[in-house]
Amino acid sequence: MGEERREEREQGGDEVFNIALERLADGIRLIGERVSRETIKQACDLILSSRRIFVYGVGRSGLVGKAFAMRLVQMGLEAYFVGETITPIVEEGDVAVLVSKTGATMSAIQTGNIVRRVGGKVIVVTATPDSKLASTGNVVVVLPPPSGESDDLTPLGTLFEEGAMTVLDAMIAFLMVEKGETEESMRRRHAILV
């Protein structure tokens, strides 16, 4: 009896895993199709014309932001993650990229307001274009969530976070072309030369 139940659980687990993979892939594809190419270009132009880039997010959105900041550094840009001990103060001529699904994260809103107050520019990556955070943005990259986005297989904003990671990585590809970067040139700036 115990062996039979274990097999049922394994089959059910396989099915759940496959369904979750399919939902994630479909959700990311839909977000990618719906994101404005013009807004992406505006965001990339702003990054390239800025002196320094500051990136911020909280929780898993913060992890996505850190991954983006890392690639910017590997591309030879001066980029920082807000809140790290070595992050300098933002100044006029800088840009901040703020990642938040809801656009209601108070620390992100405060960061956006501070950046604007000192003469910097703000790029907001969100699923909520009418949020307080979005109102701080010079450029707002809206990642429209697929309908029925949150469920037991993609809980708590998973599709936004996965979509944000994918869109920001696609922006890295765009920025690489604009700067004439290659994987080899970026590898030479990798923290651990690989």
Protein backbone atom coordinates (compact mmCIF):
# COMPACT_ATOMS: atom_id res chain seq x y z
CA MET A 1 0.00 0.00 0.00
CA GLY A 2 2.81 2.47 0.88
CA GLU A 3 4.62 1.87 -2.43
CA GLU A 4 1.38 2.48 -4.37
CA ARG A 5 0.79 5.83 -2.65
CA ARG A 6 4.37 6.91 -3.24
CA GLU A 7 3.97 6.18 -6.97
CA GLU A 8 0.71 8.17 -7.06
CA ARG A 9 2.43 11.12 -5.35
CA GLU A 10 5.37 10.96 -7.74
CA GLN A 11 3.04 10.92 -10.75
CA GLY A 12 1.03 13.79 -9.27
CA GLY A 13 4.25 15.69 -8.52
CA ASP A 14 5.45 15.21 -12.08
CA GLU A 15 2.13 16.50 -13.39
CA VAL A 16 2.18 19.53 -11.09
CA PHE A 17 5.79 20.27 -12.09
CA ASN A 18 4.93 20.06 -15.79
CA ILE A 19 1.85 22.27 -15.40
CA ALA A 20 3.87 24.85 -13.42
CA LEU A 21 6.60 24.91 -16.08
CA GLU A 22 3.98 25.41 -18.78
CA ARG A 23 2.29 28.25 -16.87
CA LEU A 24 5.61 29.98 -16.26
CA ALA A 25 6.70 29.68 -19.90
CA ASP A 26 3.31 30.86 -21.19
CA GLY A 27 3.17 33.73 -18.67
CA ILE A 28 6.66 34.97 -19.52
CA ARG A 29 5.89 34.74 -23.24
CA LEU A 30 2.68 36.79 -22.78
CA ILE A 31 4.47 39.44 -20.72
CA GLY A 32 7.19 39.64 -23.38
CA GLU A 33 4.62 40.05 -26.13
CA ARG A 34 2.73 42.78 -24.27
CA VAL A 35 5.60 44.96 -23.03
CA SER A 36 6.01 48.17 -25.02
CA ARG A 37 9.09 48.08 -27.24
CA GLU A 38 9.11 51.88 -27.35
CA THR A 39 9.22 52.05 -23.55
CA ILE A 40 12.05 49.50 -23.46
CA LYS A 41 14.03 51.61 -25.93
CA GLN A 42 13.39 54.75 -23.86
CA ALA A 43 14.59 52.94 -20.71
CA CYS A 44 17.75 51.69 -22.46
CA ASP A 45 18.49 55.15 -23.89
CA LEU A 46 18.13 56.65 -20.41
CA ILE A 47 20.50 54.06 -18.95
CA LEU A 48 23.11 54.70 -21.63
CA SER A 49 22.89 58.48 -21.26
CA SER A 50 23.20 58.43 -17.47
CA ARG A 51 26.38 58.84 -15.48
CA ARG A 52 25.56 56.08 -12.99
CA ILE A 53 22.76 53.53 -12.62
CA PHE A 54 21.15 52.69 -9.29
CA VAL A 55 18.86 49.66 -9.05
CA TYR A 56 16.38 48.89 -6.27
CA GLY A 57 13.71 46.40 -5.34
CA VAL A 58 12.57 44.54 -2.25
CA GLY A 59 12.33 40.78 -1.75
CA ARG A 60 12.37 38.72 -4.94
CA SER A 61 12.01 41.89 -7.02
CA GLY A 62 15.22 43.02 -5.33
CA LEU A 63 16.96 39.81 -6.33
CA VAL A 64 15.89 40.42 -9.93
CA GLY A 65 17.23 43.98 -9.61
CA LYS A 66 20.56 42.75 -8.24
CA ALA A 67 20.96 40.38 -11.19
CA PHE A 68 20.30 43.30 -13.57
CA ALA A 69 22.80 45.54 -11.77
CA MET A 70 25.42 42.79 -11.96
CA ARG A 71 25.06 42.54 -15.74
CA LEU A 72 25.29 46.33 -16.07
CA VAL A 73 28.60 46.27 -14.18
CA GLN A 74 29.84 43.41 -16.34
CA MET A 75 29.00 45.59 -19.33
CA GLY A 76 31.35 48.27 -18.02
CA LEU A 77 28.68 50.62 -16.70
CA GLU A 78 28.84 52.16 -13.24
CA ALA A 79 25.93 50.48 -11.48
CA TYR A 80 24.94 50.01 -7.84
CA PHE A 81 22.19 48.35 -5.85
CA VAL A 82 20.54 50.76 -3.40
CA GLY A 83 21.04 49.69 0.19
CA GLU A 84 24.43 48.01 -0.19
CA THR A 85 27.12 49.41 2.09
CA ILE A 86 29.31 50.62 -0.80
CA THR A 87 26.53 52.38 -2.72
CA PRO A 88 27.24 56.11 -3.12
CA ILE A 89 24.63 58.83 -2.92
CA VAL A 90 22.54 59.42 -6.03
CA GLU A 91 23.08 62.74 -7.80
CA GLU A 92 21.89 64.75 -10.77
CA GLY A 93 22.67 62.91 -13.99
CA ASP A 94 22.10 59.47 -12.44
CA VAL A 95 19.23 57.08 -13.14
CA ALA A 96 17.46 54.66 -10.81
CA VAL A 97 15.74 51.48 -11.98
CA LEU A 98 13.03 50.55 -9.47
CA VAL A 99 11.37 47.11 -9.61
CA SER A 100 8.02 46.49 -7.86
CA LYS A 101 5.02 44.50 -9.02
CA THR A 102 2.47 46.48 -7.04
CA GLY A 103 4.22 49.84 -7.16
CA ALA A 104 3.16 50.24 -3.53
CA THR A 105 6.46 49.35 -1.82
CA MET A 106 7.05 52.39 0.37
CA SER A 107 10.86 52.25 0.29
CA ALA A 108 10.82 52.08 -3.52
CA ILE A 109 8.41 55.06 -3.69
CA GLN A 110 10.66 57.03 -1.33
CA THR A 111 13.70 56.13 -3.44
CA GLY A 112 11.94 57.33 -6.58
CA ASN A 113 10.98 60.61 -4.94
CA ILE A 114 14.51 61.21 -3.64
CA VAL A 115 16.08 60.49 -7.04
CA ARG A 116 13.72 62.94 -8.74
CA ARG A 117 14.30 65.58 -6.04
CA VAL A 118 18.09 65.55 -6.58
CA GLY A 119 17.70 65.79 -10.37
CA GLY A 120 18.08 62.14 -11.29
CA LYS A 121 15.84 60.12 -13.59
CA VAL A 122 13.68 57.14 -12.66
CA ILE A 123 12.80 54.00 -14.60
CA VAL A 124 10.00 52.00 -12.99
CA VAL A 125 9.43 48.32 -13.79
CA THR A 126 5.95 47.35 -12.53
CA ALA A 127 2.71 45.54 -13.27
CA THR A 128 0.74 48.52 -11.91
CA PRO A 129 0.94 51.58 -14.19
CA ASP A 130 -1.36 53.72 -12.01
CA SER A 131 0.65 53.15 -8.80
CA LYS A 132 2.42 55.70 -6.61
CA LEU A 133 5.74 54.29 -7.71
CA ALA A 134 4.85 54.64 -11.38
CA SER A 135 4.07 58.31 -10.78
CA THR A 136 7.75 58.84 -9.85
CA GLY A 137 8.97 57.42 -13.16
CA ASN A 138 10.33 59.26 -16.16
CA VAL A 139 9.90 55.94 -17.96
CA VAL A 140 7.47 53.26 -16.79
CA VAL A 141 8.01 49.75 -18.12
CA VAL A 142 4.69 48.00 -17.59
CA LEU A 143 4.79 44.21 -17.45
CA PRO A 144 1.11 43.36 -17.96
CA PRO A 145 0.30 40.27 -15.92
CA PRO A 146 -1.45 37.37 -17.66
CA SER A 147 -5.01 36.93 -16.44
CA GLY A 148 -5.26 34.72 -13.38
CA GLU A 149 -1.60 35.40 -12.66
CA SER A 150 -1.39 34.21 -9.04
CA ASP A 151 -2.37 30.72 -8.05
CA ASP A 152 -1.00 27.80 -6.08
CA LEU A 153 1.53 27.00 -8.82
CA THR A 154 2.74 30.58 -9.44
CA PRO A 155 2.14 32.24 -6.06
CA LEU A 156 2.85 35.73 -4.76
CA GLY A 157 3.90 37.49 -7.95
CA THR A 158 6.07 34.71 -9.37
CA LEU A 159 5.12 35.53 -12.97
CA PHE A 160 5.94 39.21 -12.49
CA GLU A 161 9.34 38.38 -11.03
CA GLU A 162 10.15 35.82 -13.73
CA GLY A 163 8.84 38.22 -16.39
CA ALA A 164 10.88 41.11 -14.97
CA MET A 165 14.03 38.98 -14.97
CA THR A 166 13.44 37.99 -18.59
CA VAL A 167 12.59 41.52 -19.78
CA LEU A 168 15.60 43.02 -17.98
CA ASP A 169 17.86 40.32 -19.45
CA ALA A 170 16.48 41.14 -22.90
CA MET A 171 17.31 44.80 -22.18
CA ILE A 172 20.87 43.70 -21.40
CA ALA A 173 21.07 42.16 -24.88
CA PHE A 174 19.84 45.46 -26.40
CA LEU A 175 22.36 47.44 -24.33
CA MET A 176 25.18 45.08 -25.34
CA VAL A 177 24.49 45.76 -29.01
CA GLU A 178 24.27 49.52 -28.42
CA LYS A 179 27.61 49.52 -26.55
CA GLY A 180 29.35 47.04 -28.84
CA GLU A 181 29.77 44.54 -26.01
CA THR A 182 30.20 40.79 -26.41
CA GLU A 183 30.10 37.89 -24.00
CA GLU A 184 33.91 37.87 -24.13
CA SER A 185 34.24 41.56 -23.24
CA MET A 186 31.79 41.09 -20.38
CA ARG A 187 33.55 37.94 -19.17
CA ARG A 188 36.72 40.00 -18.64
CA ARG A 189 34.77 42.14 -16.15
CA HIS A 190 33.18 39.18 -14.36
CA ALA A 191 33.91 39.11 -10.62
CA ILE A 192 35.46 35.68 -10.99
CA LEU A 193 37.06 35.49 -14.42
CA VAL A 194 35.50 32.48 -16.13
